[in-house]
Amino acid sequence: MLRLRSRCRSTIGRMFRSLSASLNRAASIGPYDPPARRYKRFGQGSIINWPTGNMYGERWISIGDDTMIATHVTLSAGMVPGQQMMTDPVVIIGDRCLIGRGSAIVGHYRIDIGDDVYTGMNVYITDQNHGYEDISAPIGTQDPQDDPVVVGSGSWIGSGAVVLPGARLGEHCVVAANSVVRGEFPPYSVVAGVPAKLVRLHDGADWTRPES
């Protein structure tokens, strides 16, 4: 009897897993699905996997061709309905990118992610910080400050990394997991740490380490 119950449970579990996988595939957003029309651009061969994260301001978000947005990824542009944005689009994700599960790309002015950029899970990229200069007012009520973000083509951002306003990563950069990135880094850099610092650089002939 115990073995029979175990087999029944296993069979039912297998059926539910198969059904869940089929439903997730069906609910994912492709370029010909109605939700794709909300975006500034939704490239051929691209997909936003289901379940999605929070999606806001799709009108200001451009997704290139053959790009995969994993499950539970938040994509947003702007803060309130009807907001007049200063750039169009606000968030650009290039061709053949992979945005890892649980990541968030939150744009208010301009976030430009090049082609062939891969991220690990739970990466956070934003171009806006809260103001904090007025010590008589709560930080959350002060005017925010925007600074564009650029992630160069061919770059890799490790899991848990945070890319802050004003960050500019050249092509083919590596960001180590859990790093906090601000400032400008040249192409072919490896950056790591909190705050992130340059730890390796390709000079055109070989990889080198900066002098301490």
N, C-alpha and C. Protein backbone atom coordinates (compact mmCIF):
# COMPACT_ATOMS: atom_id res chain seq x y z
N MET A 1 0.82 -1.21 0.00
CA MET A 1 0.00 0.00 0.00
C MET A 1 0.86 1.26 0.00
N LEU A 2 1.91 1.22 0.82
CA LEU A 2 2.81 2.38 0.90
C LEU A 2 3.47 2.64 -0.45
N ARG A 3 3.88 1.54 -1.09
CA ARG A 3 4.54 1.69 -2.39
C ARG A 3 3.55 2.23 -3.43
N LEU A 4 2.30 1.80 -3.38
CA LEU A 4 1.28 2.27 -4.31
C LEU A 4 1.04 3.77 -4.13
N ARG A 5 0.95 4.22 -2.86
CA ARG A 5 0.76 5.64 -2.58
C ARG A 5 1.93 6.47 -3.09
N SER A 6 3.12 5.92 -2.90
CA SER A 6 4.31 6.62 -3.35
C SER A 6 4.32 6.76 -4.86
N ARG A 7 3.91 5.70 -5.55
CA ARG A 7 3.86 5.76 -7.02
C ARG A 7 2.81 6.76 -7.50
N CYS A 8 1.65 6.76 -6.82
CA CYS A 8 0.59 7.72 -7.18
C CYS A 8 1.07 9.15 -6.98
N ARG A 9 1.70 9.41 -5.84
CA ARG A 9 2.21 10.75 -5.56
C ARG A 9 3.25 11.16 -6.58
N SER A 10 4.13 10.22 -6.95
CA SER A 10 5.16 10.51 -7.95
C SER A 10 4.54 10.82 -9.30
N THR A 11 3.51 10.04 -9.68
CA THR A 11 2.85 10.27 -10.97
C THR A 11 2.14 11.61 -11.00
N ILE A 12 1.40 11.93 -9.93
CA ILE A 12 0.69 13.20 -9.86
C ILE A 12 1.68 14.37 -9.87
N GLY A 13 2.78 14.23 -9.12
CA GLY A 13 3.80 15.28 -9.09
C GLY A 13 4.40 15.51 -10.46
N ARG A 14 4.67 14.42 -11.19
CA ARG A 14 5.23 14.54 -12.53
C ARG A 14 4.25 15.25 -13.47
N MET A 15 2.96 14.95 -13.33
CA MET A 15 1.94 15.60 -14.16
C MET A 15 1.87 17.09 -13.86
N PHE A 16 1.89 17.44 -12.58
CA PHE A 16 1.82 18.85 -12.21
C PHE A 16 3.06 19.61 -12.68
N ARG A 17 4.24 19.01 -12.55
CA ARG A 17 5.45 19.67 -13.01
C ARG A 17 5.43 19.90 -14.51
N SER A 18 4.96 18.89 -15.24
CA SER A 18 4.87 19.02 -16.70
C SER A 18 3.86 20.09 -17.08
N LEU A 19 2.70 20.12 -16.39
CA LEU A 19 1.68 21.12 -16.67
C LEU A 19 2.19 22.52 -16.35
N SER A 20 2.88 22.65 -15.21
CA SER A 20 3.42 23.95 -14.81
C SER A 20 4.43 24.46 -15.83
N ALA A 21 5.32 23.58 -16.29
CA ALA A 21 6.31 23.98 -17.29
C ALA A 21 5.63 24.41 -18.59
N SER A 22 4.59 23.68 -18.99
CA SER A 22 3.86 24.05 -20.22
C SER A 22 3.16 25.38 -20.08
N LEU A 23 2.54 25.63 -18.92
CA LEU A 23 1.85 26.89 -18.68
C LEU A 23 2.84 28.06 -18.65
N ASN A 24 4.00 27.84 -18.04
CA ASN A 24 5.01 28.90 -17.99
C ASN A 24 5.49 29.26 -19.40
N ARG A 25 5.70 28.24 -20.23
CA ARG A 25 6.12 28.51 -21.61
C ARG A 25 5.03 29.28 -22.37
N ALA A 26 3.78 28.87 -22.16
CA ALA A 26 2.68 29.53 -22.86
C ALA A 26 2.49 30.97 -22.40
N ALA A 27 2.76 31.24 -21.11
CA ALA A 27 2.54 32.57 -20.55
C ALA A 27 3.71 33.52 -20.80
N SER A 28 4.86 33.01 -21.22
CA SER A 28 6.00 33.87 -21.51
C SER A 28 5.66 34.81 -22.65
N ILE A 29 6.32 35.96 -22.67
CA ILE A 29 6.00 37.02 -23.64
C ILE A 29 7.00 36.99 -24.78
N GLY A 30 6.51 36.82 -25.98
CA GLY A 30 7.32 36.88 -27.19
C GLY A 30 6.94 38.08 -28.03
N PRO A 31 7.63 38.30 -29.15
CA PRO A 31 7.42 39.52 -29.94
C PRO A 31 6.03 39.63 -30.57
N TYR A 32 5.31 38.52 -30.70
CA TYR A 32 3.99 38.57 -31.33
C TYR A 32 2.85 38.54 -30.32
N ASP A 33 3.18 38.54 -29.04
CA ASP A 33 2.14 38.52 -28.01
C ASP A 33 1.67 39.94 -27.70
N PRO A 34 0.40 40.12 -27.37
CA PRO A 34 -0.13 41.46 -27.10
C PRO A 34 0.68 42.29 -26.11
N PRO A 35 1.19 41.71 -24.99
CA PRO A 35 1.96 42.55 -24.06
C PRO A 35 3.22 43.15 -24.68
N ALA A 36 3.77 42.50 -25.72
CA ALA A 36 4.98 43.01 -26.37
C ALA A 36 4.74 44.35 -27.04
N ARG A 37 3.48 44.62 -27.41
CA ARG A 37 3.17 45.87 -28.10
C ARG A 37 3.32 47.09 -27.19
N ARG A 38 3.36 46.87 -25.89
CA ARG A 38 3.50 47.99 -24.96
C ARG A 38 4.91 48.57 -24.97
N TYR A 39 5.87 47.79 -25.46
CA TYR A 39 7.27 48.20 -25.38
C TYR A 39 7.64 49.11 -26.54
N LYS A 40 8.62 49.96 -26.30
CA LYS A 40 9.16 50.80 -27.37
C LYS A 40 9.61 49.92 -28.54
N ARG A 41 10.32 48.86 -28.20
CA ARG A 41 10.71 47.85 -29.20
C ARG A 41 10.82 46.52 -28.50
N PHE A 42 10.36 45.47 -29.17
CA PHE A 42 10.48 44.11 -28.66
C PHE A 42 11.00 43.28 -29.81
N GLY A 43 12.29 42.95 -29.77
CA GLY A 43 12.98 42.38 -30.91
C GLY A 43 12.56 40.96 -31.26
N GLN A 44 12.82 40.60 -32.51
CA GLN A 44 12.56 39.25 -32.99
C GLN A 44 13.40 38.24 -32.20
N GLY A 45 12.76 37.13 -31.84
CA GLY A 45 13.46 36.07 -31.13
C GLY A 45 13.65 36.33 -29.66
N SER A 46 13.18 37.45 -29.14
CA SER A 46 13.33 37.76 -27.73
C SER A 46 12.18 37.19 -26.92
N ILE A 47 12.41 37.04 -25.60
CA ILE A 47 11.39 36.46 -24.74
C ILE A 47 11.54 37.01 -23.33
N ILE A 48 10.41 37.25 -22.70
CA ILE A 48 10.37 37.54 -21.26
C ILE A 48 9.69 36.36 -20.60
N ASN A 49 10.44 35.64 -19.79
CA ASN A 49 9.92 34.40 -19.22
C ASN A 49 8.92 34.65 -18.10
N TRP A 50 8.00 33.72 -17.98
CA TRP A 50 6.96 33.76 -16.96
C TRP A 50 7.35 32.87 -15.79
N PRO A 51 7.09 33.29 -14.55
CA PRO A 51 6.44 34.53 -14.14
C PRO A 51 7.39 35.73 -14.23
N THR A 52 6.84 36.84 -14.70
CA THR A 52 7.65 38.06 -14.81
C THR A 52 7.77 38.73 -13.45
N GLY A 53 8.70 39.69 -13.36
CA GLY A 53 8.73 40.59 -12.22
C GLY A 53 7.81 41.76 -12.51
N ASN A 54 8.02 42.87 -11.80
CA ASN A 54 7.22 44.07 -12.04
C ASN A 54 7.65 44.72 -13.36
N MET A 55 6.70 45.03 -14.20
CA MET A 55 6.95 45.72 -15.46
C MET A 55 6.24 47.07 -15.43
N TYR A 56 6.98 48.14 -15.68
CA TYR A 56 6.39 49.48 -15.59
C TYR A 56 7.04 50.39 -16.62
N GLY A 57 6.23 51.20 -17.28
CA GLY A 57 6.76 52.13 -18.26
C GLY A 57 7.31 51.45 -19.50
N GLU A 58 6.63 50.38 -19.93
CA GLU A 58 7.12 49.62 -21.09
C GLU A 58 7.30 50.49 -22.33
N ARG A 59 6.48 51.52 -22.44
CA ARG A 59 6.57 52.44 -23.59
C ARG A 59 7.97 53.01 -23.77
N TRP A 60 8.75 53.06 -22.68
CA TRP A 60 10.07 53.68 -22.70
C TRP A 60 11.20 52.64 -22.64
N ILE A 61 10.86 51.37 -22.87
CA ILE A 61 11.84 50.28 -22.76
C ILE A 61 12.01 49.63 -24.13
N SER A 62 13.25 49.48 -24.57
CA SER A 62 13.57 48.86 -25.86
C SER A 62 14.37 47.58 -25.63
N ILE A 63 13.90 46.49 -26.21
CA ILE A 63 14.56 45.18 -26.09
C ILE A 63 14.98 44.74 -27.48
N GLY A 64 16.25 44.39 -27.64
CA GLY A 64 16.78 44.00 -28.94
C GLY A 64 16.35 42.61 -29.36
N ASP A 65 17.02 42.08 -30.39
CA ASP A 65 16.71 40.77 -30.94
C ASP A 65 17.39 39.66 -30.14
N ASP A 66 16.71 38.50 -30.08
CA ASP A 66 17.29 37.27 -29.50
C ASP A 66 17.78 37.48 -28.08
N THR A 67 17.05 38.27 -27.32
CA THR A 67 17.40 38.53 -25.93
C THR A 67 16.45 37.77 -25.01
N MET A 68 16.98 37.21 -23.93
CA MET A 68 16.17 36.47 -22.97
C MET A 68 16.15 37.21 -21.64
N ILE A 69 14.95 37.52 -21.18
CA ILE A 69 14.74 38.08 -19.85
C ILE A 69 14.21 36.94 -19.00
N ALA A 70 14.95 36.56 -17.97
CA ALA A 70 14.57 35.40 -17.16
C ALA A 70 13.36 35.71 -16.27
N THR A 71 12.96 34.73 -15.48
CA THR A 71 11.81 34.89 -14.60
C THR A 71 12.09 35.89 -13.48
N HIS A 72 11.02 36.52 -13.00
CA HIS A 72 11.05 37.42 -11.85
C HIS A 72 11.98 38.62 -12.05
N VAL A 73 12.17 39.03 -13.30
CA VAL A 73 12.99 40.22 -13.59
C VAL A 73 12.09 41.45 -13.64
N THR A 74 12.50 42.51 -12.93
CA THR A 74 11.80 43.78 -12.95
C THR A 74 12.42 44.70 -14.00
N LEU A 75 11.58 45.22 -14.88
CA LEU A 75 12.00 46.23 -15.85
C LEU A 75 11.09 47.44 -15.66
N SER A 76 11.68 48.61 -15.40
CA SER A 76 10.83 49.77 -15.23
C SER A 76 11.50 51.02 -15.76
N ALA A 77 10.64 51.96 -16.20
CA ALA A 77 11.11 53.26 -16.69
C ALA A 77 10.14 54.31 -16.17
N GLY A 78 10.68 55.30 -15.45
CA GLY A 78 9.83 56.35 -14.89
C GLY A 78 9.23 55.96 -13.56
N MET A 79 8.44 56.90 -12.99
CA MET A 79 7.89 56.69 -11.66
C MET A 79 6.38 56.79 -11.60
N VAL A 80 5.78 57.64 -12.45
CA VAL A 80 4.33 57.85 -12.36
C VAL A 80 3.72 57.78 -13.76
N PRO A 81 2.45 57.36 -13.84
CA PRO A 81 1.79 57.32 -15.16
C PRO A 81 1.75 58.70 -15.80
N GLY A 82 1.97 58.73 -17.12
CA GLY A 82 1.91 59.98 -17.86
C GLY A 82 3.12 60.87 -17.70
N GLN A 83 4.16 60.37 -17.02
CA GLN A 83 5.36 61.17 -16.82
C GLN A 83 6.04 61.45 -18.16
N GLN A 84 6.46 62.70 -18.35
CA GLN A 84 7.19 63.05 -19.57
C GLN A 84 8.67 62.77 -19.36
N MET A 85 9.19 61.81 -20.08
CA MET A 85 10.58 61.40 -19.90
C MET A 85 11.51 62.30 -20.71
N MET A 86 12.73 62.45 -20.24
CA MET A 86 13.71 63.31 -20.89
C MET A 86 14.43 62.60 -22.03
N THR A 87 14.41 61.28 -22.03
CA THR A 87 15.02 60.50 -23.11
C THR A 87 14.02 59.46 -23.59
N ASP A 88 14.20 59.00 -24.80
CA ASP A 88 13.29 58.02 -25.37
C ASP A 88 14.07 57.14 -26.35
N PRO A 89 14.29 55.87 -26.03
CA PRO A 89 13.83 55.17 -24.83
C PRO A 89 14.67 55.51 -23.60
N VAL A 90 14.17 55.07 -22.46
CA VAL A 90 14.89 55.27 -21.19
C VAL A 90 15.79 54.07 -20.91
N VAL A 91 15.25 52.88 -21.08
CA VAL A 91 16.01 51.64 -20.85
C VAL A 91 16.21 50.95 -22.19
N ILE A 92 17.47 50.68 -22.53
CA ILE A 92 17.81 49.97 -23.76
C ILE A 92 18.54 48.69 -23.39
N ILE A 93 18.04 47.57 -23.87
CA ILE A 93 18.72 46.28 -23.72
C ILE A 93 18.99 45.79 -25.13
N GLY A 94 20.25 45.49 -25.44
CA GLY A 94 20.66 45.19 -26.80
C GLY A 94 20.28 43.80 -27.27
N ASP A 95 20.92 43.39 -28.35
CA ASP A 95 20.68 42.07 -28.96
C ASP A 95 21.43 40.98 -28.20
N ARG A 96 20.82 39.80 -28.18
CA ARG A 96 21.47 38.57 -27.67
C ARG A 96 21.90 38.71 -26.21
N CYS A 97 21.15 39.46 -25.43
CA CYS A 97 21.46 39.60 -24.00
C CYS A 97 20.74 38.52 -23.20
N LEU A 98 21.24 38.29 -22.00
CA LEU A 98 20.58 37.41 -21.04
C LEU A 98 20.55 38.13 -19.70
N ILE A 99 19.35 38.42 -19.22
CA ILE A 99 19.19 39.08 -17.92
C ILE A 99 18.74 38.02 -16.93
N GLY A 100 19.57 37.77 -15.91
CA GLY A 100 19.37 36.65 -15.00
C GLY A 100 18.17 36.80 -14.07
N ARG A 101 17.71 35.67 -13.59
CA ARG A 101 16.52 35.58 -12.75
C ARG A 101 16.61 36.49 -11.53
N GLY A 102 15.50 37.19 -11.25
CA GLY A 102 15.42 38.02 -10.07
C GLY A 102 16.13 39.35 -10.18
N SER A 103 16.65 39.69 -11.36
CA SER A 103 17.36 40.96 -11.54
C SER A 103 16.36 42.11 -11.68
N ALA A 104 16.86 43.35 -11.55
CA ALA A 104 16.01 44.53 -11.70
C ALA A 104 16.79 45.60 -12.45
N ILE A 105 16.17 46.15 -13.49
CA ILE A 105 16.74 47.27 -14.24
C ILE A 105 15.74 48.41 -14.12
N VAL A 106 16.13 49.44 -13.36
CA VAL A 106 15.20 50.50 -12.99
C VAL A 106 15.73 51.82 -13.55
N GLY A 107 15.10 52.33 -14.61
CA GLY A 107 15.58 53.52 -15.29
C GLY A 107 14.67 54.71 -15.10
N HIS A 108 15.29 55.88 -15.02
CA HIS A 108 14.54 57.14 -14.93
C HIS A 108 15.03 58.15 -15.97
N TYR A 109 16.29 58.04 -16.35
CA TYR A 109 16.86 58.96 -17.34
C TYR A 109 17.41 58.18 -18.53
N ARG A 110 18.42 57.32 -18.29
CA ARG A 110 18.96 56.51 -19.39
C ARG A 110 19.82 55.37 -18.85
N ILE A 111 19.46 54.16 -19.22
CA ILE A 111 20.29 52.97 -18.99
C ILE A 111 20.49 52.32 -20.34
N ASP A 112 21.73 52.20 -20.76
CA ASP A 112 22.06 51.67 -22.09
C ASP A 112 22.90 50.41 -21.92
N ILE A 113 22.28 49.26 -22.18
CA ILE A 113 22.96 47.97 -22.07
C ILE A 113 23.23 47.48 -23.49
N GLY A 114 24.49 47.24 -23.81
CA GLY A 114 24.88 46.88 -25.17
C GLY A 114 24.46 45.48 -25.58
N ASP A 115 25.02 45.01 -26.69
CA ASP A 115 24.73 43.68 -27.20
C ASP A 115 25.53 42.63 -26.44
N ASP A 116 24.99 41.41 -26.40
CA ASP A 116 25.71 40.24 -25.85
C ASP A 116 26.13 40.45 -24.40
N VAL A 117 25.30 41.15 -23.64
CA VAL A 117 25.57 41.34 -22.20
C VAL A 117 24.82 40.26 -21.42
N TYR A 118 25.52 39.59 -20.54
CA TYR A 118 24.91 38.56 -19.70
C TYR A 118 25.00 39.02 -18.24
N THR A 119 23.95 38.74 -17.48
CA THR A 119 24.01 38.98 -16.04
C THR A 119 23.69 37.69 -15.31
N GLY A 120 24.24 37.58 -14.10
CA GLY A 120 23.83 36.51 -13.20
C GLY A 120 22.48 36.84 -12.58
N MET A 121 22.13 36.09 -11.54
CA MET A 121 20.87 36.32 -10.85
C MET A 121 20.96 37.52 -9.91
N ASN A 122 19.81 38.15 -9.69
CA ASN A 122 19.67 39.19 -8.66
C ASN A 122 20.62 40.36 -8.84
N VAL A 123 20.84 40.76 -10.09
CA VAL A 123 21.63 41.95 -10.40
C VAL A 123 20.71 43.16 -10.39
N TYR A 124 21.19 44.28 -9.84
CA TYR A 124 20.39 45.50 -9.77
C TYR A 124 21.12 46.63 -10.50
N ILE A 125 20.44 47.23 -11.48
CA ILE A 125 21.01 48.33 -12.26
C ILE A 125 20.05 49.50 -12.19
N THR A 126 20.54 50.68 -11.77
CA THR A 126 19.68 51.85 -11.72
C THR A 126 20.48 53.11 -12.06
N ASP A 127 19.76 54.11 -12.55
CA ASP A 127 20.40 55.38 -12.88
C ASP A 127 19.95 56.51 -11.95
N GLN A 128 19.31 56.16 -10.83
CA GLN A 128 18.80 57.20 -9.94
C GLN A 128 19.10 56.90 -8.48
N ASN A 129 19.51 57.95 -7.75
CA ASN A 129 19.73 57.89 -6.32
C ASN A 129 18.82 58.87 -5.61
N HIS A 130 18.46 58.56 -4.39
CA HIS A 130 17.77 59.55 -3.56
C HIS A 130 18.73 60.67 -3.18
N GLY A 131 18.21 61.90 -3.12
CA GLY A 131 19.00 62.99 -2.55
C GLY A 131 19.05 62.85 -1.04
N TYR A 132 20.11 63.36 -0.45
CA TYR A 132 20.25 63.24 1.01
C TYR A 132 20.87 64.49 1.63
N GLU A 133 21.09 65.55 0.83
CA GLU A 133 21.83 66.71 1.31
C GLU A 133 21.10 67.48 2.41
N ASP A 134 19.77 67.54 2.34
CA ASP A 134 18.99 68.30 3.31
C ASP A 134 18.73 67.43 4.53
N ILE A 135 19.43 67.69 5.62
CA ILE A 135 19.30 66.84 6.81
C ILE A 135 18.02 67.11 7.59
N SER A 136 17.25 68.14 7.16
CA SER A 136 15.99 68.43 7.85
C SER A 136 14.82 67.68 7.22
N ALA A 137 15.05 67.01 6.09
CA ALA A 137 13.97 66.31 5.38
C ALA A 137 14.31 64.83 5.27
N PRO A 138 13.29 63.96 5.35
CA PRO A 138 13.54 62.53 5.14
C PRO A 138 14.16 62.29 3.76
N ILE A 139 15.09 61.37 3.70
CA ILE A 139 15.78 61.10 2.44
C ILE A 139 14.79 60.69 1.35
N GLY A 140 13.78 59.92 1.72
CA GLY A 140 12.83 59.43 0.74
C GLY A 140 11.97 60.51 0.10
N THR A 141 11.93 61.71 0.72
CA THR A 141 11.11 62.80 0.15
C THR A 141 11.94 63.81 -0.63
N GLN A 142 13.25 63.68 -0.63
CA GLN A 142 14.10 64.64 -1.33
C GLN A 142 14.18 64.33 -2.82
N ASP A 143 14.47 65.36 -3.60
CA ASP A 143 14.54 65.18 -5.05
C ASP A 143 15.63 64.18 -5.41
N PRO A 144 15.29 63.22 -6.27
CA PRO A 144 16.31 62.24 -6.68
C PRO A 144 17.30 62.86 -7.67
N GLN A 145 18.40 62.16 -7.85
CA GLN A 145 19.44 62.60 -8.78
C GLN A 145 19.66 61.50 -9.81
N ASP A 146 19.62 61.89 -11.08
CA ASP A 146 19.79 60.93 -12.17
C ASP A 146 21.17 61.05 -12.79
N ASP A 147 21.74 59.91 -13.18
CA ASP A 147 23.03 59.89 -13.86
C ASP A 147 23.04 58.67 -14.77
N PRO A 148 23.20 58.86 -16.08
CA PRO A 148 23.08 57.73 -17.02
C PRO A 148 24.05 56.60 -16.71
N VAL A 149 23.63 55.40 -17.08
CA VAL A 149 24.42 54.18 -16.91
C VAL A 149 24.66 53.57 -18.28
N VAL A 150 25.89 53.10 -18.51
CA VAL A 150 26.24 52.40 -19.75
C VAL A 150 26.93 51.09 -19.39
N VAL A 151 26.46 50.00 -20.00
CA VAL A 151 27.12 48.70 -19.88
C VAL A 151 27.54 48.29 -21.28
N GLY A 152 28.84 48.21 -21.52
CA GLY A 152 29.36 47.93 -22.85
C GLY A 152 29.03 46.54 -23.35
N SER A 153 28.99 46.41 -24.66
CA SER A 153 28.69 45.13 -25.30
C SER A 153 29.69 44.05 -24.87
N GLY A 154 29.17 42.84 -24.79
CA GLY A 154 30.03 41.69 -24.47
C GLY A 154 30.40 41.57 -23.01
N SER A 155 29.78 42.35 -22.14
CA SER A 155 30.15 42.33 -20.73
C SER A 155 29.38 41.26 -19.96
N TRP A 156 29.94 40.93 -18.80
CA TRP A 156 29.33 39.93 -17.91
C TRP A 156 29.25 40.53 -16.52
N ILE A 157 28.05 40.52 -15.93
CA ILE A 157 27.83 41.05 -14.58
C ILE A 157 27.43 39.90 -13.68
N GLY A 158 28.25 39.64 -12.67
CA GLY A 158 28.03 38.49 -11.79
C GLY A 158 26.84 38.66 -10.87
N SER A 159 26.38 37.54 -10.32
CA SER A 159 25.20 37.52 -9.46
C SER A 159 25.34 38.47 -8.27
N GLY A 160 24.25 39.16 -7.96
CA GLY A 160 24.21 40.01 -6.79
C GLY A 160 24.89 41.35 -6.94
N ALA A 161 25.43 41.65 -8.12
CA ALA A 161 26.12 42.93 -8.32
C ALA A 161 25.11 44.07 -8.37
N VAL A 162 25.55 45.26 -7.97
CA VAL A 162 24.74 46.47 -8.02
C VAL A 162 25.48 47.49 -8.87
N VAL A 163 24.82 47.97 -9.91
CA VAL A 163 25.40 48.97 -10.81
C VAL A 163 24.67 50.29 -10.55
N LEU A 164 25.40 51.27 -10.03
CA LEU A 164 24.80 52.51 -9.54
C LEU A 164 24.81 53.61 -10.59
N PRO A 165 24.04 54.69 -10.35
CA PRO A 165 24.01 55.82 -11.29
C PRO A 165 25.40 56.33 -11.63
N GLY A 166 25.59 56.63 -12.90
CA GLY A 166 26.87 57.16 -13.36
C GLY A 166 27.88 56.10 -13.75
N ALA A 167 27.58 54.83 -13.51
CA ALA A 167 28.52 53.77 -13.89
C ALA A 167 28.61 53.68 -15.41
N ARG A 168 29.85 53.54 -15.89
CA ARG A 168 30.08 53.40 -17.32
C ARG A 168 31.11 52.29 -17.52
N LEU A 169 30.65 51.16 -18.00
CA LEU A 169 31.50 50.00 -18.23
C LEU A 169 31.78 49.89 -19.72
N GLY A 170 33.06 49.80 -20.08
CA GLY A 170 33.41 49.63 -21.48
C GLY A 170 33.05 48.24 -21.97
N GLU A 171 33.38 47.97 -23.22
CA GLU A 171 33.08 46.66 -23.80
C GLU A 171 33.87 45.56 -23.11
N HIS A 172 33.25 44.38 -23.05
CA HIS A 172 33.92 43.17 -22.60
C HIS A 172 34.43 43.31 -21.16
N CYS A 173 33.64 43.93 -20.30
CA CYS A 173 34.01 44.05 -18.89
C CYS A 173 33.40 42.91 -18.08
N VAL A 174 34.09 42.54 -17.02
CA VAL A 174 33.60 41.54 -16.07
C VAL A 174 33.39 42.24 -14.73
N VAL A 175 32.20 42.07 -14.16
CA VAL A 175 31.91 42.58 -12.82
C VAL A 175 31.75 41.38 -11.91
N ALA A 176 32.59 41.29 -10.88
CA ALA A 176 32.54 40.15 -9.97
C ALA A 176 31.23 40.13 -9.19
N ALA A 177 30.82 38.95 -8.77
CA ALA A 177 29.60 38.80 -8.00
C ALA A 177 29.62 39.68 -6.75
N ASN A 178 28.45 40.25 -6.44
CA ASN A 178 28.23 41.06 -5.23
C ASN A 178 29.03 42.36 -5.20
N SER A 179 29.57 42.78 -6.33
CA SER A 179 30.28 44.05 -6.39
C SER A 179 29.28 45.21 -6.46
N VAL A 180 29.73 46.40 -6.04
CA VAL A 180 28.94 47.62 -6.14
C VAL A 180 29.71 48.58 -7.04
N VAL A 181 29.15 48.86 -8.22
CA VAL A 181 29.88 49.56 -9.27
C VAL A 181 29.41 51.01 -9.39
N ARG A 182 30.38 51.91 -9.32
CA ARG A 182 30.13 53.32 -9.63
C ARG A 182 31.40 53.85 -10.30
N GLY A 183 31.24 54.78 -11.24
CA GLY A 183 32.39 55.34 -11.93
C GLY A 183 32.60 54.69 -13.27
N GLU A 184 33.71 55.05 -13.90
CA GLU A 184 33.99 54.64 -15.27
C GLU A 184 35.13 53.64 -15.31
N PHE A 185 34.94 52.58 -16.11
CA PHE A 185 35.97 51.55 -16.28
C PHE A 185 36.19 51.31 -17.77
N PRO A 186 37.44 51.14 -18.19
CA PRO A 186 37.74 50.99 -19.61
C PRO A 186 37.34 49.63 -20.14
N PRO A 187 37.30 49.47 -21.48
CA PRO A 187 37.04 48.16 -22.05
C PRO A 187 38.03 47.11 -21.55
N TYR A 188 37.58 45.87 -21.52
CA TYR A 188 38.42 44.72 -21.14
C TYR A 188 38.92 44.84 -19.71
N SER A 189 38.03 45.33 -18.83
CA SER A 189 38.35 45.43 -17.40
C SER A 189 37.71 44.28 -16.64
N VAL A 190 38.32 43.93 -15.52
CA VAL A 190 37.69 43.09 -14.51
C VAL A 190 37.62 43.93 -13.24
N VAL A 191 36.40 44.11 -12.71
CA VAL A 191 36.24 44.94 -11.53
C VAL A 191 35.58 44.11 -10.44
N ALA A 192 35.95 44.41 -9.20
CA ALA A 192 35.43 43.63 -8.08
C ALA A 192 35.49 44.46 -6.81
N GLY A 193 34.57 44.15 -5.89
CA GLY A 193 34.64 44.75 -4.57
C GLY A 193 33.53 45.74 -4.29
N VAL A 194 33.55 46.25 -3.05
CA VAL A 194 32.58 47.24 -2.58
C VAL A 194 33.35 48.39 -1.93
N PRO A 195 33.52 49.52 -2.62
CA PRO A 195 33.10 49.76 -4.00
C PRO A 195 34.02 49.02 -4.97
N ALA A 196 33.52 48.78 -6.18
CA ALA A 196 34.28 48.02 -7.17
C ALA A 196 35.53 48.77 -7.61
N LYS A 197 36.63 48.03 -7.72
CA LYS A 197 37.89 48.59 -8.20
C LYS A 197 38.43 47.72 -9.34
N LEU A 198 39.27 48.32 -10.15
CA LEU A 198 39.88 47.60 -11.25
C LEU A 198 40.88 46.59 -10.71
N VAL A 199 40.70 45.30 -11.05
CA VAL A 199 41.62 44.27 -10.57
C VAL A 199 42.42 43.63 -11.70
N ARG A 200 41.90 43.69 -12.93
CA ARG A 200 42.65 43.19 -14.09
C ARG A 200 42.25 44.01 -15.30
N LEU A 201 43.19 44.10 -16.26
CA LEU A 201 42.93 44.87 -17.47
C LEU A 201 43.73 44.26 -18.62
N HIS A 202 43.10 44.10 -19.76
CA HIS A 202 43.81 43.63 -20.94
C HIS A 202 44.35 44.84 -21.69
N ASP A 203 45.66 44.87 -21.89
CA ASP A 203 46.31 46.04 -22.50
C ASP A 203 46.49 45.92 -24.00
N GLY A 204 45.86 44.90 -24.59
CA GLY A 204 46.00 44.66 -26.03
C GLY A 204 46.96 43.53 -26.33
N ALA A 205 47.81 43.20 -25.35
CA ALA A 205 48.75 42.09 -25.52
C ALA A 205 48.50 40.98 -24.52
N ASP A 206 48.15 41.38 -23.26
CA ASP A 206 47.98 40.40 -22.19
C ASP A 206 47.18 41.02 -21.07
N TRP A 207 46.72 40.17 -20.16
CA TRP A 207 46.04 40.66 -18.96
C TRP A 207 47.07 41.14 -17.95
N THR A 208 46.82 42.28 -17.38
CA THR A 208 47.72 42.85 -16.39
C THR A 208 46.93 43.20 -15.13
N ARG A 209 47.64 43.36 -14.02
CA ARG A 209 47.03 43.78 -12.77
C ARG A 209 47.52 45.19 -12.44
N PRO A 210 46.64 46.08 -12.02
CA PRO A 210 47.08 47.44 -11.69
C PRO A 210 48.02 47.42 -10.50
N GLU A 211 48.95 48.38 -10.48
CA GLU A 211 49.86 48.47 -9.34
C GLU A 211 49.09 48.96 -8.13
N SER A 212 49.41 48.38 -6.94
CA SER A 212 48.72 48.78 -5.72
C SER A 212 49.14 50.18 -5.31
